[in-house]
């Protein structure tokens, strides 16, 4: 059996167990079905299946255990990390695109520029091994490209964009650099010592987006959404601190604990008339100012 077939079999086994616990016989029947649908041979012996479980656990960093009392295999849902979820998503996408070859009328991609993911492997290597990196970088608001020399600390994702968080030797400040605006990456042999007082998770604990709070204290933010938009907010919370205060046929009211940054303000503005800021007063003032500027722009263009 080819490596490609083995990987696809792993995906099918995972997908079956993600839906519900299953016995070996049920998994085998599912693999036979997928074999017929895709004109492949995915089913395997029970001995091979046991080896597969070890490979799946290693690749996806999750635990699959046998529940003897019910005669089924289960995924330990409590141990699934965000990285494990992303790996499963990536493999699902790979399988869908493989099946979707020459079917452009079925799969419609968003037209966007590359995300700079070709540098992910190199950046992870540099971060893990504490190696200084250099690259060329161009800001959105500047035409000139500059050469940067930095200490890379971590990678962070926001709105389908990847950023490397790094200390810029130019001013010794920790900054975020978007990978889609980063080119000519060079991993040097110069090592650095990770700062003991810097914690990425703690730095962004009360942040929405990629902009750090610069010493600002988090505030309690109360937002009211119309009931339809509220369903989306419940299914995809704005932040891990989200707490539901009111959930009725008239509104969804939530509380967040966040620093008020540009990224947060832009996100709230995107909801338009479907959202109202209840607290704090400073955020109400900022949102109102943005709306007034937008209205003034339309008025000026109408004359």
C-alpha atoms as a PDB file:
ATOM      1  CA  UNK A   1       0.000   0.000   0.000  1.00  0.00           C
ATOM      2  CA  UNK A   2       1.341   3.432  -0.964  1.00  0.00           C
ATOM      3  CA  UNK A   3       2.084   6.230   1.494  1.00  0.00           C
ATOM      4  CA  UNK A   4      -0.703   8.255  -0.123  1.00  0.00           C
ATOM      5  CA  UNK A   5      -3.229   5.487   0.504  1.00  0.00           C
ATOM      6  CA  UNK A   6      -2.064   5.116   4.099  1.00  0.00           C
ATOM      7  CA  UNK A   7      -2.522   8.849   4.749  1.00  0.00           C
ATOM      8  CA  UNK A   8      -5.993   8.799   3.198  1.00  0.00           C
ATOM      9  CA  UNK A   9      -6.912   5.763   5.311  1.00  0.00           C
ATOM     10  CA  UNK A  10      -5.805   7.639   8.445  1.00  0.00           C
ATOM     11  CA  UNK A  11      -8.123  10.500   7.472  1.00  0.00           C
ATOM     12  CA  UNK A  12     -11.092   8.166   7.000  1.00  0.00           C
ATOM     13  CA  UNK A  13     -10.502   6.398  10.321  1.00  0.00           C
ATOM     14  CA  UNK A  14     -10.311   9.767  12.087  1.00  0.00           C
ATOM     15  CA  UNK A  15     -13.431  11.085  10.375  1.00  0.00           C
ATOM     16  CA  UNK A  16     -15.369   7.990  11.415  1.00  0.00           C
ATOM     17  CA  UNK A  17     -14.283   8.293  15.051  1.00  0.00           C
ATOM     18  CA  UNK A  18     -14.854  12.057  15.138  1.00  0.00           C
ATOM     19  CA  UNK A  19     -18.517  11.445  14.311  1.00  0.00           C
ATOM     20  CA  UNK A  20     -18.982   8.759  16.980  1.00  0.00           C
ATOM     21  CA  UNK A  21     -17.128   5.915  18.728  1.00  0.00           C
ATOM     22  CA  UNK A  22     -17.063   2.789  16.549  1.00  0.00           C
ATOM     23  CA  UNK A  23     -16.084  -0.851  16.654  1.00  0.00           C
ATOM     24  CA  UNK A  24     -13.397  -2.309  14.407  1.00  0.00           C
ATOM     25  CA  UNK A  25     -16.127  -3.930  12.259  1.00  0.00           C
ATOM     26  CA  UNK A  26     -17.921  -0.589  11.822  1.00  0.00           C
ATOM     27  CA  UNK A  27     -14.677   1.162  10.905  1.00  0.00           C
ATOM     28  CA  UNK A  28     -13.821  -1.625   8.454  1.00  0.00           C
ATOM     29  CA  UNK A  29     -17.223  -1.310   6.764  1.00  0.00           C
ATOM     30  CA  UNK A  30     -16.739   2.467   6.552  1.00  0.00           C
ATOM     31  CA  UNK A  31     -13.331   1.973   4.894  1.00  0.00           C
ATOM     32  CA  UNK A  32     -14.848  -0.468   2.384  1.00  0.00           C
ATOM     33  CA  UNK A  33     -17.497   2.128   1.543  1.00  0.00           C
ATOM     34  CA  UNK A  34     -14.863   4.839   1.031  1.00  0.00           C
ATOM     35  CA  UNK A  35     -12.816   2.431  -1.094  1.00  0.00           C
ATOM     36  CA  UNK A  36     -15.776   1.930  -3.423  1.00  0.00           C
ATOM     37  CA  UNK A  37     -16.543   5.649  -3.584  1.00  0.00           C
ATOM     38  CA  UNK A  38     -12.968   6.659  -4.403  1.00  0.00           C
ATOM     39  CA  UNK A  39     -11.849   3.580  -6.344  1.00  0.00           C
ATOM     40  CA  UNK A  40      -9.113   2.864  -3.793  1.00  0.00           C
ATOM     41  CA  UNK A  41      -8.314   0.126  -1.267  1.00  0.00           C
ATOM     42  CA  UNK A  42      -8.505   1.565   2.250  1.00  0.00           C
ATOM     43  CA  UNK A  43      -9.671  -1.435   4.289  1.00  0.00           C
ATOM     44  CA  UNK A  44      -6.939  -3.369   6.112  1.00  0.00           C
ATOM     45  CA  UNK A  45      -6.432  -6.254   8.512  1.00  0.00           C
ATOM     46  CA  UNK A  46      -7.004  -5.799  12.227  1.00  0.00           C
ATOM     47  CA  UNK A  47      -3.244  -6.014  12.798  1.00  0.00           C
ATOM     48  CA  UNK A  48      -2.677  -3.213  10.269  1.00  0.00           C
ATOM     49  CA  UNK A  49      -5.503  -1.250  11.913  1.00  0.00           C
ATOM     50  CA  UNK A  50      -3.726  -1.439  15.281  1.00  0.00           C
ATOM     51  CA  UNK A  51      -0.538  -0.105  13.657  1.00  0.00           C
ATOM     52  CA  UNK A  52      -2.598   2.641  12.025  1.00  0.00           C
ATOM     53  CA  UNK A  53      -3.910   3.773  15.405  1.00  0.00           C
ATOM     54  CA  UNK A  54      -0.350   4.270  16.653  1.00  0.00           C
ATOM     55  CA  UNK A  55       0.555   6.252  13.508  1.00  0.00           C
ATOM     56  CA  UNK A  56      -2.588   8.384  13.758  1.00  0.00           C
ATOM     57  CA  UNK A  57      -1.903   9.130  17.430  1.00  0.00           C
ATOM     58  CA  UNK A  58       1.666  10.155  16.595  1.00  0.00           C
ATOM     59  CA  UNK A  59       0.878  12.268  13.520  1.00  0.00           C
ATOM     60  CA  UNK A  60      -2.124  14.096  14.961  1.00  0.00           C
ATOM     61  CA  UNK A  61      -0.954  14.139  18.601  1.00  0.00           C
ATOM     62  CA  UNK A  62      -4.157  12.711  20.022  1.00  0.00           C
ATOM     63  CA  UNK A  63      -5.185   9.584  21.920  1.00  0.00           C
ATOM     64  CA  UNK A  64      -7.386   6.833  20.494  1.00  0.00           C
ATOM     65  CA  UNK A  65      -8.289   4.213  23.088  1.00  0.00           C
ATOM     66  CA  UNK A  66     -10.363   1.043  23.161  1.00  0.00           C
ATOM     67  CA  UNK A  67     -13.483   1.169  25.325  1.00  0.00           C
ATOM     68  CA  UNK A  68     -13.733  -2.525  26.256  1.00  0.00           C
ATOM     69  CA  UNK A  69     -17.059  -2.152  28.067  1.00  0.00           C
ATOM     70  CA  UNK A  70     -18.761  -0.984  24.850  1.00  0.00           C
ATOM     71  CA  UNK A  71     -16.484  -2.689  22.329  1.00  0.00           C
ATOM     72  CA  UNK A  72     -15.651   0.568  20.526  1.00  0.00           C
ATOM     73  CA  UNK A  73     -12.687   2.835  19.815  1.00  0.00           C
ATOM     74  CA  UNK A  74     -12.868   6.443  21.004  1.00  0.00           C
ATOM     75  CA  UNK A  75     -10.916   9.646  20.534  1.00  0.00           C
ATOM     76  CA  UNK A  76      -9.997  11.281  23.827  1.00  0.00           C
ATOM     77  CA  UNK A  77     -11.749  14.606  23.144  1.00  0.00           C
ATOM     78  CA  UNK A  78     -10.265  16.234  26.262  1.00  0.00           C
ATOM     79  CA  UNK A  79      -6.741  15.826  24.890  1.00  0.00           C
ATOM     80  CA  UNK A  80      -7.289  17.310  21.414  1.00  0.00           C
ATOM     81  CA  UNK A  81      -5.142  20.440  21.111  1.00  0.00           C
ATOM     82  CA  UNK A  82      -5.601  23.313  18.683  1.00  0.00           C
ATOM     83  CA  UNK A  83      -2.630  21.975  16.703  1.00  0.00           C
ATOM     84  CA  UNK A  84      -4.321  18.554  16.421  1.00  0.00           C
ATOM     85  CA  UNK A  85      -7.513  20.200  15.144  1.00  0.00           C
ATOM     86  CA  UNK A  86      -5.593  22.192  12.548  1.00  0.00           C
ATOM     87  CA  UNK A  87      -3.764  19.090  11.357  1.00  0.00           C
ATOM     88  CA  UNK A  88      -7.054  17.280  10.893  1.00  0.00           C
ATOM     89  CA  UNK A  89      -8.465  20.271   8.991  1.00  0.00           C
ATOM     90  CA  UNK A  90      -5.395  20.340   6.738  1.00  0.00           C
ATOM     91  CA  UNK A  91      -5.689  16.633   5.950  1.00  0.00           C
ATOM     92  CA  UNK A  92      -9.429  16.980   5.305  1.00  0.00           C
ATOM     93  CA  UNK A  93      -8.725  19.807   2.864  1.00  0.00           C
ATOM     94  CA  UNK A  94      -5.994  17.767   1.185  1.00  0.00           C
ATOM     95  CA  UNK A  95      -8.394  14.868   0.672  1.00  0.00           C
ATOM     96  CA  UNK A  96     -11.185  17.118  -0.633  1.00  0.00           C
ATOM     97  CA  UNK A  97      -8.868  18.826  -3.121  1.00  0.00           C
ATOM     98  CA  UNK A  98      -7.495  15.473  -4.266  1.00  0.00           C
ATOM     99  CA  UNK A  99     -11.011  14.265  -5.044  1.00  0.00           C
ATOM    100  CA  UNK A 100     -11.843  17.634  -6.575  1.00  0.00           C
ATOM    101  CA  UNK A 101      -9.241  17.517  -9.331  1.00  0.00           C
ATOM    102  CA  UNK A 102     -10.582  18.925 -12.609  1.00  0.00           C
ATOM    103  CA  UNK A 103     -13.827  19.962 -10.914  1.00  0.00           C
ATOM    104  CA  UNK A 104     -13.438  23.746 -10.844  1.00  0.00           C
ATOM    105  CA  UNK A 105     -17.207  24.091 -11.102  1.00  0.00           C
ATOM    106  CA  UNK A 106     -17.531  22.406  -7.696  1.00  0.00           C
ATOM    107  CA  UNK A 107     -14.764  24.094  -5.708  1.00  0.00           C
ATOM    108  CA  UNK A 108     -14.569  27.894  -5.720  1.00  0.00           C
ATOM    109  CA  UNK A 109     -11.536  29.424  -4.028  1.00  0.00           C
ATOM    110  CA  UNK A 110     -11.285  32.897  -2.565  1.00  0.00           C
ATOM    111  CA  UNK A 111      -9.114  35.026  -4.812  1.00  0.00           C
ATOM    112  CA  UNK A 112      -6.302  36.138  -2.514  1.00  0.00           C
ATOM    113  CA  UNK A 113      -2.565  36.588  -2.466  1.00  0.00           C
ATOM    114  CA  UNK A 114      -0.297  33.876  -0.986  1.00  0.00           C
ATOM    115  CA  UNK A 115      -0.122  33.877   2.818  1.00  0.00           C
ATOM    116  CA  UNK A 116       3.637  33.419   3.113  1.00  0.00           C
ATOM    117  CA  UNK A 117       3.247  29.882   4.439  1.00  0.00           C
ATOM    118  CA  UNK A 118       6.297  28.783   2.435  1.00  0.00           C
ATOM    119  CA  UNK A 119       8.365  30.280   5.271  1.00  0.00           C
ATOM    120  CA  UNK A 120       6.532  28.508   8.118  1.00  0.00           C
ATOM    121  CA  UNK A 121       8.909  25.539   8.298  1.00  0.00           C
ATOM    122  CA  UNK A 122      12.019  27.725   8.342  1.00  0.00           C
ATOM    123  CA  UNK A 123      10.559  30.049  10.963  1.00  0.00           C
ATOM    124  CA  UNK A 124       9.547  27.167  13.235  1.00  0.00           C
ATOM    125  CA  UNK A 125      13.089  25.773  12.922  1.00  0.00           C
ATOM    126  CA  UNK A 126      14.558  29.151  13.888  1.00  0.00           C
ATOM    127  CA  UNK A 127      12.161  29.594  16.827  1.00  0.00           C
ATOM    128  CA  UNK A 128      12.765  26.090  18.197  1.00  0.00           C
ATOM    129  CA  UNK A 129      16.536  26.404  17.903  1.00  0.00           C
ATOM    130  CA  UNK A 130      16.692  30.050  19.064  1.00  0.00           C
ATOM    131  CA  UNK A 131      18.349  31.281  15.880  1.00  0.00           C
ATOM    132  CA  UNK A 132      18.429  34.896  14.745  1.00  0.00           C
ATOM    133  CA  UNK A 133      16.765  35.549  11.349  1.00  0.00           C
ATOM    134  CA  UNK A 134      16.953  38.244   8.690  1.00  0.00           C
ATOM    135  CA  UNK A 135      14.376  39.120   6.055  1.00  0.00           C
ATOM    136  CA  UNK A 136      13.107  41.859   3.783  1.00  0.00           C
ATOM    137  CA  UNK A 137       9.855  43.456   4.887  1.00  0.00           C
ATOM    138  CA  UNK A 138       7.391  45.901   3.364  1.00  0.00           C
ATOM    139  CA  UNK A 139       4.695  47.607   5.398  1.00  0.00           C
ATOM    140  CA  UNK A 140       1.306  48.309   3.832  1.00  0.00           C
ATOM    141  CA  UNK A 141       1.747  52.050   4.230  1.00  0.00           C
ATOM    142  CA  UNK A 142       5.351  52.254   2.996  1.00  0.00           C
ATOM    143  CA  UNK A 143       6.632  51.741  -0.543  1.00  0.00           C
ATOM    144  CA  UNK A 144      10.214  51.076   0.497  1.00  0.00           C
ATOM    145  CA  UNK A 145      11.219  47.578   1.590  1.00  0.00           C
ATOM    146  CA  UNK A 146      13.506  47.335   4.617  1.00  0.00           C
ATOM    147  CA  UNK A 147      15.880  44.634   5.806  1.00  0.00           C
ATOM    148  CA  UNK A 148      15.122  43.337   9.306  1.00  0.00           C
ATOM    149  CA  UNK A 149      17.338  41.520  11.787  1.00  0.00           C
ATOM    150  CA  UNK A 150      15.276  39.908  14.564  1.00  0.00           C
ATOM    151  CA  UNK A 151      14.960  37.304  17.300  1.00  0.00           C
ATOM    152  CA  UNK A 152      11.890  35.153  16.453  1.00  0.00           C
ATOM    153  CA  UNK A 153       9.820  34.112  19.490  1.00  0.00           C
ATOM    154  CA  UNK A 154       6.565  32.648  18.147  1.00  0.00           C
ATOM    155  CA  UNK A 155       4.080  32.408  15.297  1.00  0.00           C
ATOM    156  CA  UNK A 156       0.545  33.769  15.653  1.00  0.00           C
ATOM    157  CA  UNK A 157      -2.484  33.551  13.391  1.00  0.00           C
ATOM    158  CA  UNK A 158      -5.185  36.183  13.023  1.00  0.00           C
ATOM    159  CA  UNK A 159      -7.938  36.291  10.396  1.00  0.00           C
ATOM    160  CA  UNK A 160      -6.237  33.686   8.191  1.00  0.00           C
ATOM    161  CA  UNK A 161      -2.942  35.610   8.235  1.00  0.00           C
ATOM    162  CA  UNK A 162       0.243  34.365   9.876  1.00  0.00           C
ATOM    163  CA  UNK A 163       2.599  36.612  11.842  1.00  0.00           C
ATOM    164  CA  UNK A 164       5.997  36.042  13.408  1.00  0.00           C
ATOM    165  CA  UNK A 165       6.426  37.739  16.795  1.00  0.00           C
ATOM    166  CA  UNK A 166      10.008  38.875  17.106  1.00  0.00           C
ATOM    167  CA  UNK A 167      12.320  41.367  18.785  1.00  0.00           C
ATOM    168  CA  UNK A 168      13.568  43.843  16.190  1.00  0.00           C
ATOM    169  CA  UNK A 169      17.239  44.682  16.776  1.00  0.00           C
ATOM    170  CA  UNK A 170      16.551  48.105  15.270  1.00  0.00           C
ATOM    171  CA  UNK A 171      14.889  49.335  18.471  1.00  0.00           C
ATOM    172  CA  UNK A 172      14.728  46.177  20.670  1.00  0.00           C
ATOM    173  CA  UNK A 173      10.916  46.206  20.599  1.00  0.00           C
ATOM    174  CA  UNK A 174       8.844  43.043  20.132  1.00  0.00           C
ATOM    175  CA  UNK A 175       6.765  43.393  16.962  1.00  0.00           C
ATOM    176  CA  UNK A 176       4.527  41.331  14.701  1.00  0.00           C
ATOM    177  CA  UNK A 177       5.580  40.790  11.089  1.00  0.00           C
ATOM    178  CA  UNK A 178       3.052  39.453   8.568  1.00  0.00           C
ATOM    179  CA  UNK A 179       4.414  36.494   6.642  1.00  0.00           C
ATOM    180  CA  UNK A 180       2.735  37.585   3.403  1.00  0.00           C
ATOM    181  CA  UNK A 181       4.875  40.749   3.440  1.00  0.00           C
ATOM    182  CA  UNK A 182       8.085  38.947   4.377  1.00  0.00           C
ATOM    183  CA  UNK A 183      10.584  37.816   1.726  1.00  0.00           C
ATOM    184  CA  UNK A 184      14.199  36.662   1.389  1.00  0.00           C
ATOM    185  CA  UNK A 185      14.213  34.837   4.719  1.00  0.00           C
ATOM    186  CA  UNK A 186      17.703  34.024   6.037  1.00  0.00           C
ATOM    187  CA  UNK A 187      18.230  31.790   9.063  1.00  0.00           C
ATOM    188  CA  UNK A 188      21.576  32.675  10.607  1.00  0.00           C
ATOM    189  CA  UNK A 189      23.875  30.671  12.897  1.00  0.00           C
ATOM    190  CA  UNK A 190      23.683  33.355  15.556  1.00  0.00           C
ATOM    191  CA  UNK A 191      21.750  32.104  18.595  1.00  0.00           C
ATOM    192  CA  UNK A 192      19.828  34.151  21.152  1.00  0.00           C
ATOM    193  CA  UNK A 193      18.478  33.658  24.666  1.00  0.00           C
ATOM    194  CA  UNK A 194      14.694  33.709  24.949  1.00  0.00           C
ATOM    195  CA  UNK A 195      13.691  36.494  27.397  1.00  0.00           C
ATOM    196  CA  UNK A 196      12.504  35.011  30.682  1.00  0.00           C
ATOM    197  CA  UNK A 197       9.972  37.804  31.211  1.00  0.00           C
ATOM    198  CA  UNK A 198       8.159  37.358  27.874  1.00  0.00           C
ATOM    199  CA  UNK A 199       5.131  35.077  27.622  1.00  0.00           C
ATOM    200  CA  UNK A 200       3.241  35.123  24.315  1.00  0.00           C
ATOM    201  CA  UNK A 201       0.019  33.729  25.769  1.00  0.00           C
ATOM    202  CA  UNK A 202       0.051  36.251  28.606  1.00  0.00           C
ATOM    203  CA  UNK A 203       0.925  39.150  26.295  1.00  0.00           C
ATOM    204  CA  UNK A 204      -2.156  38.472  24.138  1.00  0.00           C
ATOM    205  CA  UNK A 205      -4.498  37.113  26.830  1.00  0.00           C
ATOM    206  CA  UNK A 206      -6.665  40.230  26.768  1.00  0.00           C
ATOM    207  CA  UNK A 207      -6.107  41.199  23.140  1.00  0.00           C
ATOM    208  CA  UNK A 208      -8.275  40.833  20.082  1.00  0.00           C
ATOM    209  CA  UNK A 209      -6.089  40.465  17.030  1.00  0.00           C
ATOM    210  CA  UNK A 210      -2.401  40.976  16.517  1.00  0.00           C
ATOM    211  CA  UNK A 211      -1.877  44.412  18.064  1.00  0.00           C
ATOM    212  CA  UNK A 212      -0.447  44.245  21.584  1.00  0.00           C
ATOM    213  CA  UNK A 213      -1.999  46.532  24.231  1.00  0.00           C
ATOM    214  CA  UNK A 214       1.220  48.482  25.008  1.00  0.00           C
ATOM    215  CA  UNK A 215       0.667  48.449  28.753  1.00  0.00           C
ATOM    216  CA  UNK A 216      -3.056  49.236  28.678  1.00  0.00           C
ATOM    217  CA  UNK A 217      -5.249  47.498  31.242  1.00  0.00           C
ATOM    218  CA  UNK A 218      -8.082  45.225  30.044  1.00  0.00           C
ATOM    219  CA  UNK A 219     -11.629  46.517  30.464  1.00  0.00           C
ATOM    220  CA  UNK A 220     -15.059  44.970  30.787  1.00  0.00           C
ATOM    221  CA  UNK A 221     -16.826  45.429  27.458  1.00  0.00           C
ATOM    222  CA  UNK A 222     -20.570  44.806  27.136  1.00  0.00           C
ATOM    223  CA  UNK A 223     -22.064  44.386  23.667  1.00  0.00           C
ATOM    224  CA  UNK A 224     -25.622  43.863  22.482  1.00  0.00           C
ATOM    225  CA  UNK A 225     -26.349  41.994  19.217  1.00  0.00           C
ATOM    226  CA  UNK A 226     -29.581  41.465  17.358  1.00  0.00           C
ATOM    227  CA  UNK A 227     -30.857  37.871  17.877  1.00  0.00           C
ATOM    228  CA  UNK A 228     -29.862  36.576  14.424  1.00  0.00           C
ATOM    229  CA  UNK A 229     -26.309  37.917  14.613  1.00  0.00           C
ATOM    230  CA  UNK A 230     -26.263  36.645  18.185  1.00  0.00           C
ATOM    231  CA  UNK A 231     -26.476  33.056  16.917  1.00  0.00           C
ATOM    232  CA  UNK A 232     -23.206  33.558  15.023  1.00  0.00           C
ATOM    233  CA  UNK A 233     -21.562  35.147  18.056  1.00  0.00           C
ATOM    234  CA  UNK A 234     -22.563  32.171  20.220  1.00  0.00           C
ATOM    235  CA  UNK A 235     -21.271  29.641  17.686  1.00  0.00           C
ATOM    236  CA  UNK A 236     -18.017  31.544  17.107  1.00  0.00           C
ATOM    237  CA  UNK A 237     -17.164  33.627  20.216  1.00  0.00           C
ATOM    238  CA  UNK A 238     -15.249  36.861  19.707  1.00  0.00           C
ATOM    239  CA  UNK A 239     -12.821  35.997  22.514  1.00  0.00           C
ATOM    240  CA  UNK A 240     -12.215  33.272  25.096  1.00  0.00           C
ATOM    241  CA  UNK A 241     -13.411  35.678  27.835  1.00  0.00           C
ATOM    242  CA  UNK A 242     -16.865  35.923  26.238  1.00  0.00           C
ATOM    243  CA  UNK A 243     -19.683  35.550  28.769  1.00  0.00           C
ATOM    244  CA  UNK A 244     -23.378  35.584  27.883  1.00  0.00           C
ATOM    245  CA  UNK A 245     -25.409  38.030  30.002  1.00  0.00           C
ATOM    246  CA  UNK A 246     -28.726  37.991  28.118  1.00  0.00           C
ATOM    247  CA  UNK A 247     -29.952  35.512  25.506  1.00  0.00           C
ATOM    248  CA  UNK A 248     -33.513  36.299  24.504  1.00  0.00           C
ATOM    249  CA  UNK A 249     -35.671  36.693  21.400  1.00  0.00           C
ATOM    250  CA  UNK A 250     -34.773  40.393  21.413  1.00  0.00           C
ATOM    251  CA  UNK A 251     -30.998  40.379  21.869  1.00  0.00           C
ATOM    252  CA  UNK A 252     -27.812  38.571  22.755  1.00  0.00           C
ATOM    253  CA  UNK A 253     -25.835  40.564  25.308  1.00  0.00           C
ATOM    254  CA  UNK A 254     -22.277  39.495  26.089  1.00  0.00           C
ATOM    255  CA  UNK A 255     -19.389  40.602  28.269  1.00  0.00           C
ATOM    256  CA  UNK A 256     -15.756  40.547  27.166  1.00  0.00           C
ATOM    257  CA  UNK A 257     -12.587  41.348  29.078  1.00  0.00           C
ATOM    258  CA  UNK A 258     -10.266  42.992  26.567  1.00  0.00           C
ATOM    259  CA  UNK A 259      -7.886  45.844  25.910  1.00  0.00           C
ATOM    260  CA  UNK A 260      -9.360  48.330  23.470  1.00  0.00           C
ATOM    261  CA  UNK A 261      -7.119  48.156  20.416  1.00  0.00           C
ATOM    262  CA  UNK A 262      -7.455  49.141  16.761  1.00  0.00           C
ATOM    263  CA  UNK A 263      -8.137  45.514  15.766  1.00  0.00           C
ATOM    264  CA  UNK A 264     -11.041  45.285  18.224  1.00  0.00           C
ATOM    265  CA  UNK A 265     -12.570  48.581  17.096  1.00  0.00           C
ATOM    266  CA  UNK A 266     -12.410  47.500  13.430  1.00  0.00           C
ATOM    267  CA  UNK A 267     -14.039  44.172  14.262  1.00  0.00           C
ATOM    268  CA  UNK A 268     -16.902  45.851  16.120  1.00  0.00           C
ATOM    269  CA  UNK A 269     -17.454  48.335  13.302  1.00  0.00           C
ATOM    270  CA  UNK A 270     -17.872  45.417  10.880  1.00  0.00           C
ATOM    271  CA  UNK A 271     -21.150  44.449  12.605  1.00  0.00           C
ATOM    272  CA  UNK A 272     -22.754  47.772  11.683  1.00  0.00           C
ATOM    273  CA  UNK A 273     -26.336  48.219  12.858  1.00  0.00           C
ATOM    274  CA  UNK A 274     -26.441  44.626  14.186  1.00  0.00           C
ATOM    275  CA  UNK A 275     -24.416  45.550  17.273  1.00  0.00           C
ATOM    276  CA  UNK A 276     -24.471  48.209  19.991  1.00  0.00           C
ATOM    277  CA  UNK A 277     -21.783  48.949  22.564  1.00  0.00           C
ATOM    278  CA  UNK A 278     -23.278  49.213  26.054  1.00  0.00           C
ATOM    279  CA  UNK A 279     -20.037  49.719  28.013  1.00  0.00           C
ATOM    280  CA  UNK A 280     -17.493  51.259  28.482  1.00  0.00           C
ATOM    281  CA  UNK A 281     -18.129  54.902  27.659  1.00  0.00           C
ATOM    282  CA  UNK A 282     -14.688  55.297  26.069  1.00  0.00           C
ATOM    283  CA  UNK A 283     -15.454  52.554  23.519  1.00  0.00           C
ATOM    284  CA  UNK A 284     -18.876  54.030  22.772  1.00  0.00           C
ATOM    285  CA  UNK A 285     -17.142  57.345  22.074  1.00  0.00           C
ATOM    286  CA  UNK A 286     -14.561  55.720  19.795  1.00  0.00           C
ATOM    287  CA  UNK A 287     -17.163  53.767  17.783  1.00  0.00           C
ATOM    288  CA  UNK A 288     -19.403  56.844  17.502  1.00  0.00           C
ATOM    289  CA  UNK A 289     -16.461  58.923  16.247  1.00  0.00           C
ATOM    290  CA  UNK A 290     -15.699  56.363  13.540  1.00  0.00           C
ATOM    291  CA  UNK A 291     -19.333  56.271  12.380  1.00  0.00           C
ATOM    292  CA  UNK A 292     -19.545  60.068  12.318  1.00  0.00           C
ATOM    293  CA  UNK A 293     -16.406  60.236  10.165  1.00  0.00           C
ATOM    294  CA  UNK A 294     -17.906  57.686   7.768  1.00  0.00           C
ATOM    295  CA  UNK A 295     -21.169  59.667   7.538  1.00  0.00           C
ATOM    296  CA  UNK A 296     -19.238  62.894   6.935  1.00  0.00           C
ATOM    297  CA  UNK A 297     -17.305  61.214   4.114  1.00  0.00           C
ATOM    298  CA  UNK A 298     -20.543  60.243   2.360  1.00  0.00           C
ATOM    299  CA  UNK A 299     -21.992  63.730   2.855  1.00  0.00           C
ATOM    300  CA  UNK A 300     -18.888  65.372   1.412  1.00  0.00           C
ATOM    301  CA  UNK A 301     -18.942  63.097  -1.647  1.00  0.00           C
ATOM    302  CA  UNK A 302     -22.615  63.854  -2.319  1.00  0.00           C
ATOM    303  CA  UNK A 303     -21.902  67.574  -2.847  1.00  0.00           C
END
